[in-house]
Amino acid sequence: MPSNQPTPEAQEYITKGNEAAQHSNFDAAEENFMKAAELDPDYAPIWYNLALAQQNIGKLEHAVSSYLRALRSDPELIEAYINLGALYLELGFTDESIDVLQRALELDPQNDELFVALGEAYSDAGLFSDAVEAFRQSLTINPANEFAATNLTETEDEMRNIQESIELSQKEIAEHPDVLDGYVNLIGVLLDAHSFTEALAAAKLIEQKFPDDAAVYQTYAIVYGAIGDTNKQKEAWQKVVALEPDDSVSWSYLAEVYSETGETQQAIEAYKRAVTLQPDNPSYKYGLAIAYQFAENYSEAINALKEMVAIQSGEYEDFKLEIYNSLAETQNLAGLYEDALATTSIILDEFPDDSSALYEKANALYGLNQTEEAVATYEESINNDPLNFAAYDDLAAILLKNGQTKSALEYATMAVALDDESESALETLASALQEVGRTEEAAEIQERIKDLHLMFDDTTGWDSDNN
């Protein structure tokens, strides 16, 4: 079970870490807290202090990882939620920030600072009405909270500016009712304001007025994309390409939606059309290669990616790292481990710290039964990208299989902290807990897996093994 007090061995390093932090020597603080975590990985304050040290030396992704690990050991550590929410926002992970702060408020609904942080996250996401409500709630709890008052004023000003933009667009439409651009501008403003119902109503209006204009259905596609209705979005792009069959951009967007809906063959055909219309566009060729990969047509994917590798031009150079990593990934999926290893060597010669390349190298090494080297490479990948869920997940499973249960337990715990709906990570964690005699916790994890099956089977038919 997670410990309430650190072990004496870990406490020595905690004390050293705290002393270093008090003197602003955060590198030393990080080093000592990491040693403490190795000795007592279930003591949440170690991970929390480690995260603080990492933040102070600019290791923001590492700090996210450490805060998540702290919360895995102590799900009620409010300070970790607050800091993690702010850190997510700083890194541009707005949805994650909102989710973390909402969970924290379930534990501490009278925390005015949490409402301020949530309001900032809502504002960053363009959810201004929700932001206003959060700031007002903060002031209800603590009328002296100056940050809440300032943010409330600024957000209300932003809402007024949006309303003025809406009124200007409406005025433009009233003056020029037969000009499509005015309606499109209005819909754009409504989408920025997250007024999806009004944006959809405006889209339906322009469809009635301009039924044969492809721009109408492009607008529809954008609206449905914002709403999250993928099937309607697909239908809109289908209408666009029917009206403008030589528009390569629309074919590429349609291909993306086909990929999202799992219609891999249709995605391939749409990307082929885009490539035919604009053969020098690297993003279309890359999309086609990935569509082949999703369809498990690995030979075509490899051929397409190799063709891109062979092209030496500025546009393709911009895609270089992505192309090589996808080539290595596809080669691994096809069981061509020697080829994948050769590809990752090319990448790592130029980008020695690239986490994705290291991850694919580790996969290739494991495929070649070079387990010890694979484990070291997975660890290197994680060190360069501490939010690389797949590396934690794979490494935990390999270590458990090889009888290194303690290490497997820690990596599986981190994997679940990053994604608590991953069946593979949960299964590994449950098995590791069972191996070390923590049977009650293992049973809880197994119940969690059953709950996930019920949740997804009853609602979406989602298959966690293929997610």
Protein backbone atom coordinates (compact mmCIF):
# COMPACT_ATOMS: atom_id res chain seq x y z
CA MET A 1 0.00 0.00 0.00
CA PRO A 2 1.14 3.61 -0.52
CA SER A 3 3.18 4.70 2.50
CA ASN A 4 2.19 7.49 4.91
CA GLN A 5 5.77 8.00 6.07
CA PRO A 6 9.02 7.65 4.13
CA THR A 7 11.48 4.89 4.93
CA PRO A 8 14.49 6.01 6.99
CA GLU A 9 16.77 5.44 3.98
CA ALA A 10 14.60 7.64 1.77
CA GLN A 11 14.29 10.29 4.50
CA GLU A 12 18.04 10.94 4.35
CA TYR A 13 17.76 11.93 0.68
CA ILE A 14 14.54 13.87 1.30
CA THR A 15 16.35 15.96 3.92
CA LYS A 16 19.25 16.60 1.55
CA GLY A 17 16.82 17.48 -1.24
CA ASN A 18 14.93 19.94 0.94
CA GLU A 19 18.18 21.60 2.06
CA ALA A 20 19.32 21.95 -1.56
CA ALA A 21 15.96 23.43 -2.58
CA GLN A 22 16.10 25.94 0.28
CA HIS A 23 19.40 27.17 -1.17
CA SER A 24 17.93 27.23 -4.71
CA ASN A 25 20.21 24.40 -5.78
CA PHE A 26 17.45 22.64 -7.67
CA ASP A 27 19.75 20.35 -9.64
CA ALA A 28 20.98 18.83 -6.40
CA ALA A 29 17.42 18.78 -5.07
CA GLU A 30 16.28 16.83 -8.11
CA GLU A 31 19.14 14.34 -7.75
CA ASN A 32 18.35 13.67 -4.09
CA PHE A 33 14.60 13.39 -4.55
CA MET A 34 15.14 10.94 -7.40
CA LYS A 35 17.29 8.78 -5.12
CA ALA A 36 14.59 8.97 -2.46
CA ALA A 37 11.94 7.93 -5.00
CA GLU A 38 13.98 4.89 -5.98
CA LEU A 39 14.06 3.80 -2.34
CA ASP A 40 10.42 4.61 -1.52
CA PRO A 41 8.38 5.01 -4.73
CA ASP A 42 5.01 4.94 -2.95
CA TYR A 43 5.60 8.03 -0.81
CA ALA A 44 3.80 10.78 -2.73
CA PRO A 45 5.54 13.86 -1.21
CA ILE A 46 8.85 12.70 -2.70
CA TRP A 47 7.39 12.87 -6.19
CA TYR A 48 5.73 16.21 -5.44
CA ASN A 49 9.02 17.74 -4.27
CA LEU A 50 10.81 16.21 -7.23
CA ALA A 51 8.29 17.87 -9.55
CA LEU A 52 8.87 21.26 -7.88
CA ALA A 53 12.63 20.90 -8.35
CA GLN A 54 12.17 19.90 -11.99
CA GLN A 55 9.92 22.89 -12.62
CA ASN A 56 12.54 25.21 -11.22
CA ILE A 57 15.22 23.90 -13.60
CA GLY A 58 12.89 24.01 -16.62
CA LYS A 59 12.25 20.28 -16.96
CA LEU A 60 8.55 20.86 -17.44
CA GLU A 61 7.62 17.52 -19.02
CA HIS A 62 9.57 15.72 -16.29
CA ALA A 63 7.66 17.75 -13.70
CA VAL A 64 4.34 16.70 -15.27
CA SER A 65 5.43 13.08 -15.04
CA SER A 66 6.41 13.49 -11.38
CA TYR A 67 3.16 15.24 -10.42
CA LEU A 68 1.19 12.45 -12.08
CA ARG A 69 3.23 9.89 -10.18
CA ALA A 70 2.58 11.74 -6.93
CA LEU A 71 -1.15 11.70 -7.59
CA ARG A 72 -1.02 8.00 -8.40
CA SER A 73 0.29 7.40 -4.87
CA ASP A 74 -1.93 10.03 -3.22
CA PRO A 75 -5.04 10.95 -5.27
CA GLU A 76 -5.96 13.61 -2.70
CA LEU A 77 -2.77 15.69 -2.93
CA ILE A 78 -4.48 18.99 -3.80
CA GLU A 79 -1.26 20.99 -4.23
CA ALA A 80 -0.16 18.56 -6.95
CA TYR A 81 -3.44 19.06 -8.81
CA ILE A 82 -3.08 22.85 -8.68
CA ASN A 83 0.52 22.83 -9.90
CA LEU A 84 -0.15 20.18 -12.53
CA GLY A 85 -3.14 22.10 -13.87
CA ALA A 86 -1.04 25.27 -14.21
CA LEU A 87 1.82 23.33 -15.77
CA TYR A 88 -0.45 21.67 -18.33
CA LEU A 89 -1.74 25.12 -19.25
CA GLU A 90 1.81 26.44 -19.66
CA LEU A 91 2.62 23.53 -21.98
CA GLY A 92 -0.53 24.10 -24.04
CA PHE A 93 -2.41 21.02 -22.79
CA THR A 94 -5.63 22.91 -22.09
CA ASP A 95 -8.01 19.95 -22.02
CA GLU A 96 -5.75 18.08 -19.62
CA SER A 97 -5.53 21.15 -17.39
CA ILE A 98 -9.30 21.43 -17.20
CA ASP A 99 -9.69 17.74 -16.44
CA VAL A 100 -7.12 17.77 -13.63
CA LEU A 101 -8.59 20.86 -11.98
CA GLN A 102 -12.15 19.58 -12.20
CA ARG A 103 -11.05 16.38 -10.46
CA ALA A 104 -9.35 18.43 -7.76
CA LEU A 105 -12.53 20.44 -7.14
CA GLU A 106 -14.44 17.24 -6.53
CA LEU A 107 -12.06 16.68 -3.60
CA ASP A 108 -11.93 20.30 -2.40
CA PRO A 109 -14.99 22.24 -3.67
CA GLN A 110 -14.31 25.24 -1.40
CA ASN A 111 -10.80 25.95 -2.71
CA ASP A 112 -10.90 29.42 -4.28
CA GLU A 113 -7.42 28.99 -5.85
CA LEU A 114 -8.60 25.91 -7.70
CA PHE A 115 -11.48 27.90 -9.18
CA VAL A 116 -9.05 30.61 -10.33
CA ALA A 117 -6.83 28.02 -12.00
CA LEU A 118 -9.85 26.38 -13.62
CA GLY A 119 -11.11 29.75 -14.83
CA GLU A 120 -7.74 30.45 -16.46
CA ALA A 121 -7.86 27.07 -18.19
CA TYR A 122 -11.41 27.68 -19.41
CA SER A 123 -10.39 31.11 -20.70
CA ASP A 124 -7.40 29.64 -22.53
CA ALA A 125 -9.76 27.14 -24.19
CA GLY A 126 -12.11 29.93 -25.28
CA LEU A 127 -14.81 28.81 -22.84
CA PHE A 128 -15.38 32.31 -21.56
CA SER A 129 -18.79 31.77 -19.97
CA ASP A 130 -17.40 28.87 -17.96
CA ALA A 131 -14.37 30.98 -17.04
CA VAL A 132 -16.59 33.78 -15.74
CA GLU A 133 -18.56 31.31 -13.66
CA ALA A 134 -15.35 29.85 -12.18
CA PHE A 135 -13.93 33.27 -11.27
CA ARG A 136 -17.24 34.29 -9.69
CA GLN A 137 -17.29 31.07 -7.68
CA SER A 138 -13.77 31.83 -6.44
CA LEU A 139 -14.90 35.28 -5.29
CA THR A 140 -17.94 33.80 -3.58
CA ILE A 141 -15.62 31.60 -1.53
CA ASN A 142 -13.00 34.32 -1.01
CA PRO A 143 -14.08 37.90 -1.90
CA ALA A 144 -10.49 39.08 -1.28
CA ASN A 145 -8.99 36.96 -4.07
CA GLU A 146 -7.46 39.66 -6.27
CA PHE A 147 -6.45 37.27 -9.05
CA ALA A 148 -10.05 36.10 -9.40
CA ALA A 149 -11.32 39.70 -9.53
CA THR A 150 -8.77 40.75 -12.15
CA ASN A 151 -9.36 37.68 -14.31
CA LEU A 152 -13.13 38.11 -14.05
CA THR A 153 -12.89 41.69 -15.35
CA GLU A 154 -10.59 40.71 -18.21
CA THR A 155 -12.78 37.75 -19.23
CA GLU A 156 -15.97 39.83 -19.19
CA ASP A 157 -14.19 42.37 -21.42
CA GLU A 158 -13.25 39.55 -23.80
CA MET A 159 -16.85 38.39 -23.92
CA ARG A 160 -17.98 41.92 -24.77
CA ASN A 161 -15.43 42.06 -27.58
CA ILE A 162 -16.76 38.79 -28.98
CA GLN A 163 -20.31 40.05 -28.81
CA GLU A 164 -19.28 43.20 -30.68
CA SER A 165 -17.65 41.05 -33.39
CA ILE A 166 -20.84 39.02 -33.71
CA GLU A 167 -22.92 42.19 -34.05
CA LEU A 168 -20.54 43.58 -36.69
CA SER A 169 -20.81 40.37 -38.72
CA GLN A 170 -24.59 40.43 -38.40
CA LYS A 171 -24.60 44.04 -39.60
CA GLU A 172 -22.44 43.07 -42.59
CA ILE A 173 -24.90 40.30 -43.47
CA ALA A 174 -27.86 42.69 -43.17
CA GLU A 175 -26.17 45.13 -45.55
CA HIS A 176 -25.01 42.45 -48.01
CA PRO A 177 -27.39 39.48 -47.64
CA ASP A 178 -26.27 37.88 -50.91
CA VAL A 179 -22.54 37.80 -50.08
CA LEU A 180 -21.37 34.49 -48.64
CA ASP A 181 -18.24 35.87 -46.91
CA GLY A 182 -20.27 37.70 -44.28
CA TYR A 183 -21.98 34.51 -43.16
CA VAL A 184 -18.67 32.64 -43.10
CA ASN A 185 -17.12 35.37 -40.94
CA LEU A 186 -20.06 35.19 -38.54
CA ILE A 187 -19.72 31.43 -38.22
CA GLY A 188 -16.00 31.81 -37.51
CA VAL A 189 -16.71 34.25 -34.67
CA LEU A 190 -19.42 31.97 -33.27
CA LEU A 191 -17.03 29.02 -33.31
CA ASP A 192 -14.38 31.08 -31.51
CA ALA A 193 -17.03 31.82 -28.88
CA HIS A 194 -17.93 28.10 -28.70
CA SER A 195 -21.48 29.00 -29.71
CA PHE A 196 -21.84 25.78 -31.67
CA THR A 197 -25.65 25.73 -31.87
CA GLU A 198 -25.73 29.22 -33.36
CA ALA A 199 -22.87 28.37 -35.75
CA LEU A 200 -24.72 25.29 -36.99
CA ALA A 201 -27.92 27.31 -37.47
CA ALA A 202 -25.98 29.87 -39.52
CA ALA A 203 -24.46 27.07 -41.61
CA LYS A 204 -27.94 25.71 -42.36
CA LEU A 205 -29.04 29.19 -43.39
CA ILE A 206 -26.24 29.60 -45.92
CA GLU A 207 -26.95 26.14 -47.31
CA GLN A 208 -30.47 27.34 -48.15
CA LYS A 209 -29.15 30.53 -49.76
CA PHE A 210 -26.11 29.07 -51.57
CA PRO A 211 -26.86 25.34 -52.09
CA ASP A 212 -24.34 24.84 -54.91
CA ASP A 213 -21.35 26.62 -53.36
CA ALA A 214 -18.59 24.33 -52.08
CA ALA A 215 -17.61 26.95 -49.48
CA VAL A 216 -20.93 26.28 -47.74
CA TYR A 217 -20.05 22.64 -47.15
CA GLN A 218 -16.47 23.51 -46.22
CA THR A 219 -18.01 25.68 -43.52
CA TYR A 220 -20.30 22.84 -42.50
CA ALA A 221 -17.27 20.55 -42.20
CA ILE A 222 -15.49 23.04 -39.95
CA VAL A 223 -18.58 23.43 -37.74
CA TYR A 224 -19.14 19.69 -37.41
CA GLY A 225 -15.44 19.21 -36.70
CA ALA A 226 -15.67 21.72 -33.84
CA ILE A 227 -18.77 20.00 -32.51
CA GLY A 228 -17.12 16.60 -32.79
CA ASP A 229 -19.65 15.01 -35.15
CA THR A 230 -17.22 13.10 -37.36
CA ASN A 231 -19.85 11.43 -39.54
CA LYS A 232 -21.50 14.74 -40.41
CA GLN A 233 -18.07 16.24 -41.00
CA LYS A 234 -17.32 13.42 -43.44
CA GLU A 235 -20.59 13.98 -45.31
CA ALA A 236 -19.78 17.68 -45.64
CA TRP A 237 -16.35 17.00 -47.16
CA GLN A 238 -17.90 14.45 -49.49
CA LYS A 239 -20.20 17.18 -50.79
CA VAL A 240 -17.26 19.54 -51.20
CA VAL A 241 -15.28 17.13 -53.38
CA ALA A 242 -18.42 16.30 -55.36
CA LEU A 243 -18.79 20.00 -56.17
CA GLU A 244 -15.05 20.65 -56.63
CA PRO A 245 -13.40 17.33 -57.59
CA ASP A 246 -10.08 19.03 -58.41
CA ASP A 247 -9.61 20.56 -54.94
CA SER A 248 -6.67 18.61 -53.47
CA VAL A 249 -6.97 20.27 -50.05
CA SER A 250 -10.55 19.07 -49.60
CA TRP A 251 -9.60 15.54 -50.65
CA SER A 252 -6.88 15.55 -47.97
CA TYR A 253 -9.33 16.72 -45.32
CA LEU A 254 -11.78 14.02 -46.38
CA ALA A 255 -8.97 11.47 -46.14
CA GLU A 256 -8.20 12.60 -42.58
CA VAL A 257 -11.82 12.13 -41.56
CA TYR A 258 -11.93 8.69 -43.18
CA SER A 259 -8.88 7.79 -41.08
CA GLU A 260 -10.62 9.00 -37.93
CA THR A 261 -13.69 6.89 -38.68
CA GLY A 262 -11.58 3.81 -39.39
CA GLU A 263 -12.42 3.69 -43.10
CA THR A 264 -8.87 2.96 -44.10
CA GLN A 265 -9.43 2.00 -47.72
CA GLN A 266 -11.49 5.14 -48.35
CA ALA A 267 -8.73 7.18 -46.70
CA ILE A 268 -6.17 5.63 -49.04
CA GLU A 269 -8.27 6.45 -52.11
CA ALA A 270 -8.85 10.04 -50.95
CA TYR A 271 -5.14 10.59 -50.29
CA LYS A 272 -4.32 9.07 -53.68
CA ARG A 273 -6.64 11.62 -55.28
CA ALA A 274 -4.98 14.47 -53.40
CA VAL A 275 -1.51 13.24 -54.44
CA THR A 276 -2.62 12.94 -58.06
CA LEU A 277 -3.90 16.51 -58.01
CA GLN A 278 -0.82 17.89 -56.25
CA PRO A 279 2.02 15.36 -56.56
CA ASP A 280 4.68 17.62 -55.00
CA ASN A 281 2.86 18.08 -51.70
CA PRO A 282 4.74 16.10 -49.01
CA SER A 283 1.90 16.18 -46.48
CA TYR A 284 -0.42 14.35 -48.89
CA LYS A 285 2.21 11.69 -49.61
CA TYR A 286 2.88 11.28 -45.93
CA GLY A 287 -0.83 10.99 -45.20
CA LEU A 288 -1.12 8.28 -47.86
CA ALA A 289 1.78 6.34 -46.32
CA ILE A 290 0.21 6.47 -42.86
CA ALA A 291 -3.15 5.42 -44.30
CA TYR A 292 -1.42 2.36 -45.78
CA GLN A 293 0.10 1.68 -42.36
CA PHE A 294 -3.31 1.90 -40.63
CA ALA A 295 -4.66 -0.53 -43.22
CA GLU A 296 -1.77 -2.87 -42.31
CA ASN A 297 -0.55 -2.67 -45.89
CA TYR A 298 3.00 -2.33 -44.63
CA SER A 299 4.79 -2.93 -47.93
CA GLU A 300 2.99 -0.03 -49.63
CA ALA A 301 3.55 2.19 -46.56
CA ILE A 302 7.27 1.38 -46.54
CA ASN A 303 7.57 2.02 -50.28
CA ALA A 304 5.78 5.37 -49.95
CA LEU A 305 7.95 6.47 -47.04
CA LYS A 306 11.17 5.35 -48.76
CA GLU A 307 10.15 7.34 -51.81
CA MET A 308 9.80 10.42 -49.62
CA VAL A 309 13.17 9.76 -47.97
CA ALA A 310 14.81 9.72 -51.39
CA ILE A 311 13.53 13.21 -52.25
CA GLN A 312 16.04 15.89 -51.26
CA SER A 313 14.15 19.18 -51.13
CA GLY A 314 13.27 21.82 -48.57
CA GLU A 315 9.66 20.77 -48.08
CA TYR A 316 10.58 17.14 -47.60
CA GLU A 317 13.44 18.08 -45.27
CA ASP A 318 10.84 19.68 -42.98
CA PHE A 319 9.18 16.25 -42.74
CA LYS A 320 12.45 14.35 -42.43
CA LEU A 321 12.27 13.30 -38.79
CA GLU A 322 8.60 12.38 -39.01
CA ILE A 323 9.12 10.37 -42.20
CA TYR A 324 12.06 8.37 -40.82
CA ASN A 325 10.29 7.64 -37.53
CA SER A 326 7.18 6.46 -39.36
CA LEU A 327 9.35 4.29 -41.60
CA ALA A 328 10.99 2.68 -38.57
CA GLU A 329 7.61 2.20 -36.92
CA THR A 330 6.18 0.54 -40.03
CA GLN A 331 9.21 -1.70 -40.39
CA ASN A 332 8.77 -2.80 -36.77
CA LEU A 333 5.09 -3.47 -37.33
CA ALA A 334 6.02 -5.57 -40.34
CA GLY A 335 8.57 -7.54 -38.29
CA LEU A 336 11.48 -6.10 -40.28
CA TYR A 337 13.52 -5.42 -37.17
CA GLU A 338 16.94 -5.24 -38.83
CA ASP A 339 15.59 -2.67 -41.28
CA ALA A 340 13.97 -0.69 -38.45
CA LEU A 341 17.25 -0.69 -36.53
CA ALA A 342 19.09 0.63 -39.57
CA THR A 343 16.49 3.36 -40.04
CA THR A 344 16.68 4.49 -36.41
CA SER A 345 20.47 4.61 -36.68
CA ILE A 346 20.13 7.15 -39.49
CA ILE A 347 17.76 9.28 -37.39
CA LEU A 348 19.81 9.09 -34.21
CA ASP A 349 23.00 10.08 -36.02
CA GLU A 350 21.37 13.45 -36.69
CA PHE A 351 18.91 13.63 -33.78
CA PRO A 352 20.57 11.62 -30.96
CA ASP A 353 17.99 12.60 -28.32
CA ASP A 354 14.83 12.00 -30.32
CA SER A 355 12.53 10.02 -28.04
CA SER A 356 10.43 8.52 -30.85
CA ALA A 357 13.49 7.21 -32.67
CA LEU A 358 14.83 5.74 -29.44
CA TYR A 359 11.47 4.09 -28.80
CA GLU A 360 11.45 2.49 -32.25
CA LYS A 361 15.06 1.42 -31.78
CA ALA A 362 14.05 -0.26 -28.51
CA ASN A 363 11.17 -2.04 -30.28
CA ALA A 364 13.56 -3.28 -32.97
CA LEU A 365 16.11 -4.48 -30.42
CA TYR A 366 13.43 -6.35 -28.50
CA GLY A 367 12.18 -7.87 -31.74
CA LEU A 368 15.75 -9.12 -32.32
CA ASN A 369 15.79 -10.64 -28.80
CA GLN A 370 18.38 -8.13 -27.59
CA THR A 371 16.38 -7.55 -24.43
CA GLU A 372 19.02 -5.93 -22.24
CA GLU A 373 19.84 -3.33 -24.88
CA ALA A 374 16.14 -2.82 -25.56
CA VAL A 375 15.43 -2.09 -21.89
CA ALA A 376 18.25 0.46 -21.72
CA THR A 377 16.94 2.14 -24.89
CA TYR A 378 13.35 2.30 -23.61
CA GLU A 379 14.73 3.97 -20.47
CA GLU A 380 16.67 6.45 -22.61
CA SER A 381 13.52 7.22 -24.60
CA ILE A 382 11.61 7.88 -21.36
CA ASN A 383 14.39 10.10 -20.04
CA ASN A 384 14.16 12.26 -23.17
CA ASP A 385 10.35 12.28 -23.14
CA PRO A 386 8.94 11.50 -19.68
CA LEU A 387 5.39 11.61 -21.09
CA ASN A 388 5.99 8.77 -23.57
CA PHE A 389 3.22 6.43 -22.42
CA ALA A 390 4.03 3.69 -24.94
CA ALA A 391 7.61 3.39 -23.67
CA TYR A 392 6.48 2.99 -20.05
CA ASP A 393 3.79 0.50 -21.08
CA ASP A 394 6.06 -1.67 -23.21
CA LEU A 395 8.97 -1.53 -20.79
CA ALA A 396 6.77 -2.52 -17.83
CA ALA A 397 5.46 -5.56 -19.71
CA ILE A 398 8.97 -6.65 -20.75
CA LEU A 399 10.38 -6.28 -17.23
CA LEU A 400 7.49 -8.22 -15.73
CA LYS A 401 7.99 -11.01 -18.26
CA ASN A 402 11.70 -11.14 -17.33
CA GLY A 403 10.97 -11.37 -13.61
CA GLN A 404 12.08 -7.81 -12.74
CA THR A 405 8.88 -7.23 -10.82
CA LYS A 406 9.87 -4.20 -8.73
CA SER A 407 10.95 -2.19 -11.76
CA ALA A 408 7.95 -3.43 -13.75
CA LEU A 409 5.65 -2.22 -10.97
CA GLU A 410 7.10 1.29 -11.05
CA TYR A 411 6.95 1.63 -14.84
CA ALA A 412 3.42 0.20 -14.94
CA THR A 413 2.36 2.63 -12.20
CA MET A 414 3.72 5.50 -14.28
CA ALA A 415 2.01 4.19 -17.42
CA VAL A 416 -1.34 4.10 -15.61
CA ALA A 417 -0.71 7.59 -14.23
CA LEU A 418 -0.36 8.78 -17.82
CA ASP A 419 -3.36 6.82 -19.13
CA ASP A 420 -5.69 5.22 -16.60
CA GLU A 421 -7.89 3.80 -19.35
CA SER A 422 -5.21 1.67 -20.99
CA GLU A 423 -6.09 -1.99 -20.53
CA SER A 424 -2.54 -3.16 -21.28
CA ALA A 425 -1.03 -0.87 -18.63
CA LEU A 426 -3.68 -1.81 -16.07
CA GLU A 427 -3.17 -5.52 -16.73
CA THR A 428 0.59 -5.19 -16.24
CA LEU A 429 0.09 -3.18 -13.07
CA ALA A 430 -2.37 -5.72 -11.66
CA SER A 431 0.01 -8.59 -12.43
CA ALA A 432 2.97 -6.78 -10.86
CA LEU A 433 0.97 -5.96 -7.73
CA GLN A 434 -0.08 -9.59 -7.49
CA GLU A 435 3.54 -10.73 -7.83
CA VAL A 436 4.69 -8.55 -4.90
CA GLY A 437 1.83 -9.70 -2.68
CA ARG A 438 -0.34 -6.57 -2.89
CA THR A 439 -3.38 -8.66 -3.72
CA GLU A 440 -6.06 -6.21 -2.62
CA GLU A 441 -4.67 -3.49 -4.87
CA ALA A 442 -4.36 -5.98 -7.72
CA ALA A 443 -8.04 -6.90 -7.28
CA GLU A 444 -8.98 -3.20 -7.37
CA ILE A 445 -7.15 -2.80 -10.68
CA GLN A 446 -8.91 -5.86 -12.12
CA GLU A 447 -12.25 -4.32 -11.11
CA ARG A 448 -11.18 -1.14 -12.88
CA ILE A 449 -10.53 -3.15 -16.06
CA LYS A 450 -13.98 -4.75 -15.80
CA ASP A 451 -15.57 -1.32 -15.33
CA LEU A 452 -13.79 -0.04 -18.44
CA HIS A 453 -15.07 -2.99 -20.46
CA LEU A 454 -18.62 -2.31 -19.29
CA MET A 455 -18.32 1.42 -19.94
CA PHE A 456 -17.02 1.16 -23.47
CA ASP A 457 -18.89 -1.96 -24.52
CA ASP A 458 -22.19 -0.41 -23.42
CA THR A 459 -21.62 2.99 -25.02
CA THR A 460 -19.25 2.98 -27.96
CA GLY A 461 -18.18 -0.58 -28.59
CA TRP A 462 -14.61 0.63 -28.10
CA ASP A 463 -11.98 -2.09 -28.07
CA SER A 464 -9.25 -1.18 -25.58
CA ASP A 465 -6.78 -3.65 -27.05
CA ASN A 466 -6.77 -1.73 -30.32
CA ASN A 467 -6.88 1.76 -28.90
